[in-house]
């Protein structure tokens, strides 16, 4: 009895130990059923392929459990066969890519098989499906391409490997495993094609400075500039090229050198990018002076050239300006317009001043008579003046004459009255 109890106890312990062991990796047929903490796998063998061939393999992953999780993916059991014995290995000429919903990686796919994650830790590289809900099924497509450069080096070779999948408990791995996404703005400046780093929000991460082949125009976009397209999203491409048929310049003006078209239309920059334009004063059109040069852009809506703020350096023969939008730009030179020749007015006769009268000369001063010498006269004693006598005869004659005239007048008047009566 005791022996049977010991055997039963041993069986229970063995079963308990087996239950605590991780679920082994196994090659499964499609779909691959996963439960939280469990693993599944698909095997793959590549052989008898020719350079230039490509193909795809579809894998379906199913969360057969009752909890959401995320799936980590890695490669094991890489086996290679060099049938030719020339030391060339097939896996050096086959590259892989993967696509599917919620697939995340820090790799720049496509890559060779040995560049894919080789363990489930996510270090240094990771490949994962960030969410697989309970009961959900998701499709993962593996793409492969046999590089044509292989030639006959690996003719007849083959290799095989296993792709492993593990459903992990949420949350996903620490974010420090994942590098931030990298964005680029593709530029074609004067025919030179380059890619420059740009952030998701449109911030230029490295200063861009390019000159035209003849050195006439230099463009500088400083680091930190926010470059957006017409819809306010980060700029994805940038192009500057010669405008072969620019709009006509204003009246009495010339386009100096070449006009350039900046695209895409509607792109904006904050702060503005810098244009430095060179000119040769020796080849300026007649009647165009350096001080009459301006930098302008063509306004499509207004249908005319519009001047922008600029700085002319007549010593270095450059025009510098900052622009914050794209269209056609050019140096415009205005002719110096001579003022019309106005004939001189007829001469005005001179106005003679009125004569100023000359005052007569003053008479010569009269000679001062000599002062006679006075001989002193002895004083004379005064003689008393006698009293004046009354002329009585004259007074009596006057009175008598008055009486005579009065009498005559009386008799004349009386006589006239008597005649009337």
Protein backbone atom coordinates (compact mmCIF):
# COMPACT_ATOMS: atom_id res chain seq x y z
CA UNK A 1 0.00 0.00 0.00
CA UNK A 2 2.77 2.38 0.91
CA UNK A 3 4.50 1.49 -2.33
CA UNK A 4 1.43 2.41 -4.35
CA UNK A 5 1.10 5.71 -2.51
CA UNK A 6 4.72 6.55 -3.28
CA UNK A 7 4.21 5.76 -6.95
CA UNK A 8 1.09 7.96 -7.06
CA UNK A 9 2.93 10.79 -5.32
CA UNK A 10 5.80 10.53 -7.81
CA UNK A 11 3.34 10.71 -10.72
CA UNK A 12 1.68 13.81 -9.26
CA UNK A 13 5.03 15.54 -8.75
CA UNK A 14 6.11 14.67 -12.28
CA UNK A 15 2.91 16.02 -13.75
CA UNK A 16 3.27 19.21 -11.72
CA UNK A 17 6.83 19.70 -12.97
CA UNK A 18 5.77 19.12 -16.56
CA UNK A 19 2.98 21.64 -16.19
CA UNK A 20 5.40 24.29 -15.02
CA UNK A 21 7.67 23.90 -18.05
CA UNK A 22 7.26 26.45 -20.91
CA UNK A 23 5.26 25.43 -23.96
CA UNK A 24 7.76 24.09 -26.51
CA UNK A 25 8.27 25.72 -29.90
CA UNK A 26 6.85 23.64 -32.67
CA UNK A 27 6.28 24.04 -36.34
CA UNK A 28 2.58 24.44 -36.84
CA UNK A 29 0.32 24.62 -39.83
CA UNK A 30 -1.60 27.79 -40.62
CA UNK A 31 -3.25 29.34 -38.60
CA UNK A 32 -0.94 29.57 -35.62
CA UNK A 33 -3.02 29.45 -32.42
CA UNK A 34 -1.56 31.37 -29.50
CA UNK A 35 -2.51 31.76 -25.85
CA UNK A 36 -1.07 34.16 -23.32
CA UNK A 37 2.49 32.99 -22.49
CA UNK A 38 2.39 30.37 -25.24
CA UNK A 39 4.46 30.08 -28.41
CA UNK A 40 3.88 28.89 -31.93
CA UNK A 41 6.10 28.59 -34.98
CA UNK A 42 6.19 28.12 -38.74
CA UNK A 43 9.09 26.55 -40.59
CA UNK A 44 10.39 27.72 -43.94
CA UNK A 45 12.78 26.25 -46.46
CA UNK A 46 14.13 28.11 -49.49
CA UNK A 47 15.75 26.10 -52.31
CA UNK A 48 15.91 25.79 -56.09
CA UNK A 49 15.43 29.51 -56.75
CA UNK A 50 17.10 31.66 -59.36
CA UNK A 51 18.51 35.17 -59.03
CA UNK A 52 15.85 37.84 -59.53
CA UNK A 53 13.01 35.68 -58.23
CA UNK A 54 10.75 36.82 -55.38
CA UNK A 55 7.79 35.51 -53.47
CA UNK A 56 5.61 35.80 -50.38
CA UNK A 57 4.40 33.59 -47.53
CA UNK A 58 1.23 34.35 -45.58
CA UNK A 59 0.92 33.42 -41.90
CA UNK A 60 -2.30 33.74 -39.87
CA UNK A 61 -1.99 34.35 -36.13
CA UNK A 62 -4.98 33.62 -33.88
CA UNK A 63 -5.39 34.55 -30.23
CA UNK A 64 -7.07 31.40 -28.94
CA UNK A 65 -7.06 32.59 -25.30
CA UNK A 66 -9.22 34.91 -23.23
CA UNK A 67 -6.80 37.83 -22.72
CA UNK A 68 -5.36 40.45 -25.03
CA UNK A 69 -1.62 40.45 -25.68
CA UNK A 70 1.15 41.47 -28.02
CA UNK A 71 3.18 39.14 -30.23
CA UNK A 72 6.95 39.10 -30.37
CA UNK A 73 8.58 37.50 -33.43
CA UNK A 74 12.07 36.06 -33.87
CA UNK A 75 14.06 33.62 -36.05
CA UNK A 76 15.80 30.37 -34.99
CA UNK A 77 17.22 27.18 -36.48
CA UNK A 78 18.91 28.73 -39.51
CA UNK A 79 20.38 25.86 -41.57
CA UNK A 80 22.34 26.37 -44.79
CA UNK A 81 23.64 23.98 -47.44
CA UNK A 82 26.46 24.96 -49.81
CA UNK A 83 26.02 22.33 -52.50
CA UNK A 84 28.64 23.85 -54.77
CA UNK A 85 31.19 24.10 -51.96
CA UNK A 86 32.31 27.51 -53.22
CA UNK A 87 31.87 29.28 -49.88
CA UNK A 88 28.96 31.40 -51.12
CA UNK A 89 25.86 31.20 -48.94
CA UNK A 90 22.33 31.64 -50.16
CA UNK A 91 21.23 33.67 -47.14
CA UNK A 92 23.68 36.43 -48.16
CA UNK A 93 21.60 37.09 -51.29
CA UNK A 94 18.02 36.72 -50.04
CA UNK A 95 16.35 39.68 -48.28
CA UNK A 96 13.12 39.63 -46.28
CA UNK A 97 10.34 42.07 -45.56
CA UNK A 98 7.15 41.75 -43.50
CA UNK A 99 3.83 43.58 -43.58
CA UNK A 100 0.66 43.44 -41.55
CA UNK A 101 -1.64 45.39 -39.25
CA UNK A 102 -0.02 46.72 -36.06
CA UNK A 103 3.41 45.42 -37.09
CA UNK A 104 6.22 47.40 -35.45
CA UNK A 105 10.02 47.14 -35.82
CA UNK A 106 13.19 49.17 -35.40
CA UNK A 107 14.66 47.63 -38.56
CA UNK A 108 14.89 49.29 -41.95
CA UNK A 109 13.24 46.51 -43.93
CA UNK A 110 14.02 44.64 -46.14
CA UNK A 111 16.97 42.90 -44.44
CA UNK A 112 18.88 39.63 -44.63
CA UNK A 113 17.76 36.68 -42.53
CA UNK A 114 20.50 37.11 -39.92
CA UNK A 115 19.54 40.76 -39.38
CA UNK A 116 16.07 39.77 -38.19
CA UNK A 117 15.64 39.30 -34.39
CA UNK A 118 17.42 36.13 -33.25
CA UNK A 119 15.81 35.98 -29.78
CA UNK A 120 12.61 36.94 -27.96
CA UNK A 121 14.14 39.68 -25.79
CA UNK A 122 13.78 42.47 -28.38
CA UNK A 123 17.48 43.31 -28.17
CA UNK A 124 19.10 44.70 -30.18
CA UNK A 125 16.37 44.41 -32.82
CA UNK A 126 12.69 43.70 -32.42
CA UNK A 127 9.77 42.70 -34.62
CA UNK A 128 6.34 42.66 -32.97
CA UNK A 129 2.58 42.92 -33.41
CA UNK A 130 1.63 45.50 -30.81
CA UNK A 131 -1.86 44.12 -30.09
CA UNK A 132 -3.67 40.84 -30.69
CA UNK A 133 -7.02 40.84 -28.95
CA UNK A 134 -8.61 37.74 -27.44
CA UNK A 135 -10.29 35.68 -30.18
CA UNK A 136 -8.84 37.93 -32.90
CA UNK A 137 -7.08 36.72 -36.05
CA UNK A 138 -4.45 38.76 -37.84
CA UNK A 139 -2.54 38.16 -41.11
CA UNK A 140 1.20 38.60 -41.48
CA UNK A 141 2.80 38.50 -44.95
CA UNK A 142 6.49 37.62 -45.37
CA UNK A 143 8.09 38.82 -48.61
CA UNK A 144 11.40 37.54 -49.96
CA UNK A 145 13.58 38.59 -52.88
CA UNK A 146 16.59 36.77 -54.37
CA UNK A 147 19.05 39.49 -55.43
CA UNK A 148 20.06 39.33 -59.06
CA UNK A 149 23.68 40.14 -58.18
CA UNK A 150 24.10 36.58 -56.85
CA UNK A 151 24.60 35.22 -60.36
CA UNK A 152 25.63 31.54 -60.29
CA UNK A 153 27.47 31.75 -56.96
CA UNK A 154 24.76 29.98 -54.94
CA UNK A 155 23.20 27.90 -57.70
CA UNK A 156 21.60 24.84 -56.11
CA UNK A 157 22.13 26.03 -52.51
CA UNK A 158 19.31 26.02 -49.93
CA UNK A 159 18.60 27.12 -46.38
CA UNK A 160 15.83 26.75 -43.85
CA UNK A 161 14.74 28.48 -40.65
CA UNK A 162 11.93 28.74 -38.13
CA UNK A 163 9.81 31.83 -37.43
CA UNK A 164 8.67 31.93 -33.81
CA UNK A 165 5.69 33.77 -32.30
CA UNK A 166 4.95 34.35 -28.62
CA UNK A 167 1.84 35.99 -27.18
CA UNK A 168 3.00 38.25 -24.35
CA UNK A 169 1.03 39.89 -21.60
CA UNK A 170 0.24 43.57 -22.06
CA UNK A 171 1.73 46.19 -21.79
CA UNK A 172 4.19 45.89 -24.68
CA UNK A 173 7.97 46.03 -24.21
CA UNK A 174 9.55 49.16 -22.73
CA UNK A 175 9.62 52.04 -25.13
CA UNK A 176 13.43 52.35 -24.96
CA UNK A 177 13.59 49.26 -27.17
CA UNK A 178 11.88 51.19 -29.94
CA UNK A 179 13.68 53.89 -31.87
CA UNK A 180 11.52 56.86 -32.85
CA UNK A 181 10.29 56.80 -36.45
CA UNK A 182 12.55 58.57 -38.93
CA UNK A 183 11.14 60.97 -41.52
CA UNK A 184 12.87 62.54 -44.50
CA UNK A 185 12.19 65.39 -46.89
CA UNK A 186 13.29 64.52 -50.41
CA UNK A 187 14.97 67.46 -52.14
CA UNK A 188 15.85 68.13 -55.76
CA UNK A 189 17.80 71.37 -55.64
CA UNK A 190 19.27 72.46 -58.97
CA UNK A 191 19.22 68.81 -60.10
CA UNK A 192 20.96 67.49 -56.96
CA UNK A 193 18.76 64.89 -55.23
CA UNK A 194 19.21 64.37 -51.47
CA UNK A 195 17.20 63.25 -48.44
CA UNK A 196 17.28 65.32 -45.25
CA UNK A 197 15.96 64.43 -41.79
CA UNK A 198 12.73 66.12 -40.72
CA UNK A 199 10.58 65.57 -37.65
CA UNK A 200 6.96 64.44 -37.66
CA UNK A 201 5.89 68.04 -37.00
CA UNK A 202 7.99 69.37 -39.91
CA UNK A 203 11.12 70.58 -38.11
CA UNK A 204 14.28 70.48 -40.24
CA UNK A 205 16.83 68.53 -38.15
CA UNK A 206 19.96 69.57 -40.08
CA UNK A 207 20.83 72.79 -41.89
CA UNK A 208 20.32 72.51 -45.66
CA UNK A 209 22.56 74.70 -47.84
CA UNK A 210 22.87 74.14 -51.58
CA UNK A 211 24.15 76.33 -54.46
CA UNK A 212 23.29 76.21 -58.14
CA UNK A 213 25.89 74.69 -60.47
CA UNK A 214 27.00 78.15 -61.63
CA UNK A 215 27.15 79.45 -58.06
CA UNK A 216 24.67 82.23 -58.83
CA UNK A 217 22.00 81.22 -56.30
CA UNK A 218 22.49 79.76 -52.82
CA UNK A 219 19.64 78.42 -50.66
CA UNK A 220 20.00 78.04 -46.90
CA UNK A 221 17.36 76.40 -44.67
CA UNK A 222 18.55 76.59 -41.05
CA UNK A 223 18.17 73.74 -38.59
CA UNK A 224 14.95 74.13 -36.60
CA UNK A 225 12.94 75.61 -39.49
CA UNK A 226 9.33 74.34 -39.61
CA UNK A 227 8.62 73.26 -43.20
CA UNK A 228 4.98 72.47 -44.01
CA UNK A 229 3.00 71.74 -47.18
CA UNK A 230 -0.14 73.60 -48.26
CA UNK A 231 -2.26 71.40 -45.97
CA UNK A 232 -0.15 72.15 -42.88
CA UNK A 233 1.57 68.73 -42.79
CA UNK A 234 5.31 68.17 -42.73
CA UNK A 235 6.97 68.81 -46.08
CA UNK A 236 7.81 65.57 -47.93
CA UNK A 237 9.58 67.00 -50.98
CA UNK A 238 11.30 70.18 -52.07
CA UNK A 239 12.36 71.22 -55.58
CA UNK A 240 14.16 74.25 -57.04
CA UNK A 241 14.79 74.46 -60.79
CA UNK A 242 15.28 77.05 -63.53
CA UNK A 243 12.01 78.50 -64.83
CA UNK A 244 12.45 78.15 -68.58
CA UNK A 245 9.52 80.47 -69.43
CA UNK A 246 9.09 82.96 -66.59
CA UNK A 247 6.37 85.64 -66.68
CA UNK A 248 7.26 88.87 -68.44
CA UNK A 249 8.92 91.52 -66.25
CA UNK A 250 7.23 94.86 -65.56
CA UNK A 251 7.43 97.70 -68.08
CA UNK A 252 10.90 99.26 -68.40
CA UNK A 253 12.41 96.36 -66.44
CA UNK A 254 14.46 93.20 -67.12
CA UNK A 255 14.88 89.78 -65.49
CA UNK A 256 18.55 89.68 -64.53
CA UNK A 257 20.06 86.24 -65.10
CA UNK A 258 17.76 83.26 -64.55
CA UNK A 259 14.39 82.96 -62.83
CA UNK A 260 13.90 79.96 -60.54
CA UNK A 261 10.74 78.08 -59.66
CA UNK A 262 10.42 76.86 -56.06
CA UNK A 263 8.06 73.97 -55.29
CA UNK A 264 5.80 72.57 -54.16
CA UNK A 265 3.38 75.45 -54.44
CA UNK A 266 1.90 76.42 -51.10
CA UNK A 267 4.87 75.22 -49.01
CA UNK A 268 5.65 77.47 -46.02
CA UNK A 269 8.72 77.97 -43.82
CA UNK A 270 9.04 79.42 -40.32
CA UNK A 271 11.44 81.15 -40.07
CA UNK A 272 11.93 81.85 -43.75
CA UNK A 273 14.74 80.28 -45.76
CA UNK A 274 17.53 82.54 -47.07
CA UNK A 275 18.28 83.24 -50.74
CA UNK A 276 21.63 84.75 -51.74
CA UNK A 277 21.66 85.80 -55.38
CA UNK A 278 24.83 86.89 -57.21
CA UNK A 279 24.90 89.22 -60.22
CA UNK A 280 27.56 90.60 -62.55
CA UNK A 281 27.38 94.42 -62.79
CA UNK A 282 29.36 94.29 -66.06
CA UNK A 283 26.54 92.53 -67.92
CA UNK A 284 23.59 94.54 -66.63
CA UNK A 285 21.34 95.85 -69.42
CA UNK A 286 21.83 99.42 -70.58
CA UNK A 287 20.26 102.00 -68.27
CA UNK A 288 19.97 99.45 -65.42
CA UNK A 289 22.01 100.39 -62.37
CA UNK A 290 22.87 98.28 -59.34
CA UNK A 291 20.78 100.49 -57.08
CA UNK A 292 17.75 99.71 -59.28
CA UNK A 293 17.93 95.92 -58.71
CA UNK A 294 15.17 94.27 -56.64
CA UNK A 295 14.25 90.73 -55.67
CA UNK A 296 10.69 89.79 -56.56
CA UNK A 297 8.29 86.86 -56.77
CA UNK A 298 5.45 86.33 -59.21
CA UNK A 299 1.98 86.48 -57.67
CA UNK A 300 -0.22 84.14 -59.71
CA UNK A 301 -3.48 85.57 -58.36
CA UNK A 302 -2.50 89.21 -58.89
CA UNK A 303 -0.75 88.41 -62.18
CA UNK A 304 2.27 90.59 -61.48
CA UNK A 305 5.72 90.63 -59.91
CA UNK A 306 5.81 91.63 -56.24
CA UNK A 307 8.92 93.02 -54.56
CA UNK A 308 10.09 91.52 -51.26
CA UNK A 309 12.39 92.89 -48.58
CA UNK A 310 16.01 92.44 -49.63
CA UNK A 311 19.54 93.70 -49.06
CA UNK A 312 21.87 94.66 -51.91
CA UNK A 313 25.64 94.44 -51.32
CA UNK A 314 27.23 96.38 -54.18
CA UNK A 315 30.73 95.40 -53.03
CA UNK A 316 30.06 91.63 -53.13
CA UNK A 317 27.47 92.01 -55.92
CA UNK A 318 24.81 90.01 -54.04
CA UNK A 319 21.14 90.35 -53.18
CA UNK A 320 19.98 88.57 -50.01
CA UNK A 321 16.40 87.98 -48.90
CA UNK A 322 14.33 85.73 -46.65
CA UNK A 323 11.28 83.98 -48.12
CA UNK A 324 8.58 81.96 -46.37
CA UNK A 325 6.60 80.61 -49.32
CA UNK A 326 7.24 79.07 -52.75
CA UNK A 327 6.61 80.37 -56.27
CA UNK A 328 8.82 81.84 -59.06
CA UNK A 329 11.59 84.23 -57.91
CA UNK A 330 13.97 86.43 -59.91
CA UNK A 331 16.13 89.56 -59.80
CA UNK A 332 14.33 92.42 -61.55
CA UNK A 333 16.33 95.38 -62.87
CA UNK A 334 14.52 98.65 -63.60
CA UNK A 335 15.76 101.06 -66.24
CA UNK A 336 16.75 104.55 -65.19
CA UNK A 337 14.19 106.80 -66.89
CA UNK A 338 15.69 110.15 -67.95
CA UNK A 339 13.46 113.14 -67.15
CA UNK A 340 12.05 115.00 -70.21
CA UNK A 341 14.14 117.90 -71.53
CA UNK A 342 12.34 121.19 -70.82
CA UNK A 343 13.48 124.21 -72.92
CA UNK A 344 14.71 127.11 -70.86
CA UNK A 345 12.26 130.03 -70.54
CA UNK A 346 12.94 133.24 -72.54
CA UNK A 347 15.20 135.69 -70.79
CA UNK A 348 13.41 138.24 -68.64
CA UNK A 349 14.54 141.84 -69.25
CA UNK A 350 16.35 143.17 -66.29
CA UNK A 351 14.42 145.48 -64.04
CA UNK A 352 16.30 148.74 -63.68
CA UNK A 353 16.14 150.23 -60.24
CA UNK A 354 14.46 153.60 -59.86
CA UNK A 355 16.91 156.50 -59.76
CA UNK A 356 17.62 157.69 -56.33
CA UNK A 357 17.35 161.51 -56.13
CA UNK A 358 20.51 163.24 -55.14
CA UNK A 359 19.86 165.91 -52.54
CA UNK A 360 21.20 169.36 -53.45
CA UNK A 361 24.38 170.36 -51.93
CA UNK A 362 23.86 172.58 -48.91
CA UNK A 363 24.69 176.30 -49.50
CA UNK A 364 28.02 177.37 -48.34
CA UNK A 365 27.90 178.92 -44.93
CA UNK A 366 27.62 182.68 -44.87
CA UNK A 367 30.73 184.42 -43.73
CA UNK A 368 30.44 185.71 -40.29
CA UNK A 369 30.87 189.51 -40.37
CA UNK A 370 33.55 190.79 -38.17
CA UNK A 371 32.36 192.04 -34.92
CA UNK A 372 32.97 195.82 -34.81
CA UNK A 373 34.67 197.03 -31.88
CA UNK A 374 32.34 199.08 -29.67
CA UNK A 375 33.56 202.27 -28.32
CA UNK A 376 31.99 202.86 -24.94
CA UNK A 377 29.52 205.81 -24.97
CA UNK A 378 29.08 207.70 -21.85
CA UNK A 379 25.55 207.31 -20.43
CA UNK A 380 22.93 210.04 -21.46
CA UNK A 381 20.56 211.29 -18.92
CA UNK A 382 16.86 210.70 -19.96
CA UNK A 383 14.80 213.69 -21.28
CA UNK A 384 11.20 213.71 -20.01
CA UNK A 385 8.56 213.36 -22.91
CA UNK A 386 5.97 216.18 -23.04
CA UNK A 387 2.17 215.22 -22.74
CA UNK A 388 0.25 215.03 -26.15
CA UNK A 389 -2.51 217.81 -26.70
CA UNK A 390 -6.31 217.07 -27.74
CA UNK A 391 -7.37 218.15 -31.37
CA UNK A 392 -10.72 219.66 -30.67
CA UNK A 393 -11.38 221.23 -34.06
CA UNK A 394 -11.16 217.81 -35.76
CA UNK A 395 -13.64 216.29 -33.36
CA UNK A 396 -16.16 219.11 -33.85
CA UNK A 397 -16.01 218.81 -37.63
CA UNK A 398 -16.77 215.08 -37.51
CA UNK A 399 -19.82 215.62 -35.31
CA UNK A 400 -21.20 218.36 -37.58
CA UNK A 401 -20.86 216.14 -40.66
CA UNK A 402 -22.85 213.38 -39.01
CA UNK A 403 -25.70 215.74 -38.14
CA UNK A 404 -25.91 217.12 -41.68
CA UNK A 405 -26.11 213.64 -43.25
CA UNK A 406 -28.82 212.52 -40.80
CA UNK A 407 -31.00 215.60 -41.57
CA UNK A 408 -30.79 215.06 -45.30
CA UNK A 409 -31.81 211.40 -44.94
CA UNK A 410 -34.85 212.29 -42.83
CA UNK A 411 -36.25 214.86 -45.38
CA UNK A 412 -35.79 212.43 -48.29
CA UNK A 413 -37.72 209.65 -46.59
CA UNK A 414 -40.60 211.93 -45.57
CA UNK A 415 -40.96 213.28 -49.08
CA UNK A 416 -41.34 209.83 -50.58
CA UNK A 417 -44.09 208.88 -48.13
CA UNK A 418 -45.97 212.13 -48.96
CA UNK A 419 -46.00 211.24 -52.68
CA UNK A 420 -47.37 207.83 -52.00
CA UNK A 421 -50.20 209.24 -49.86
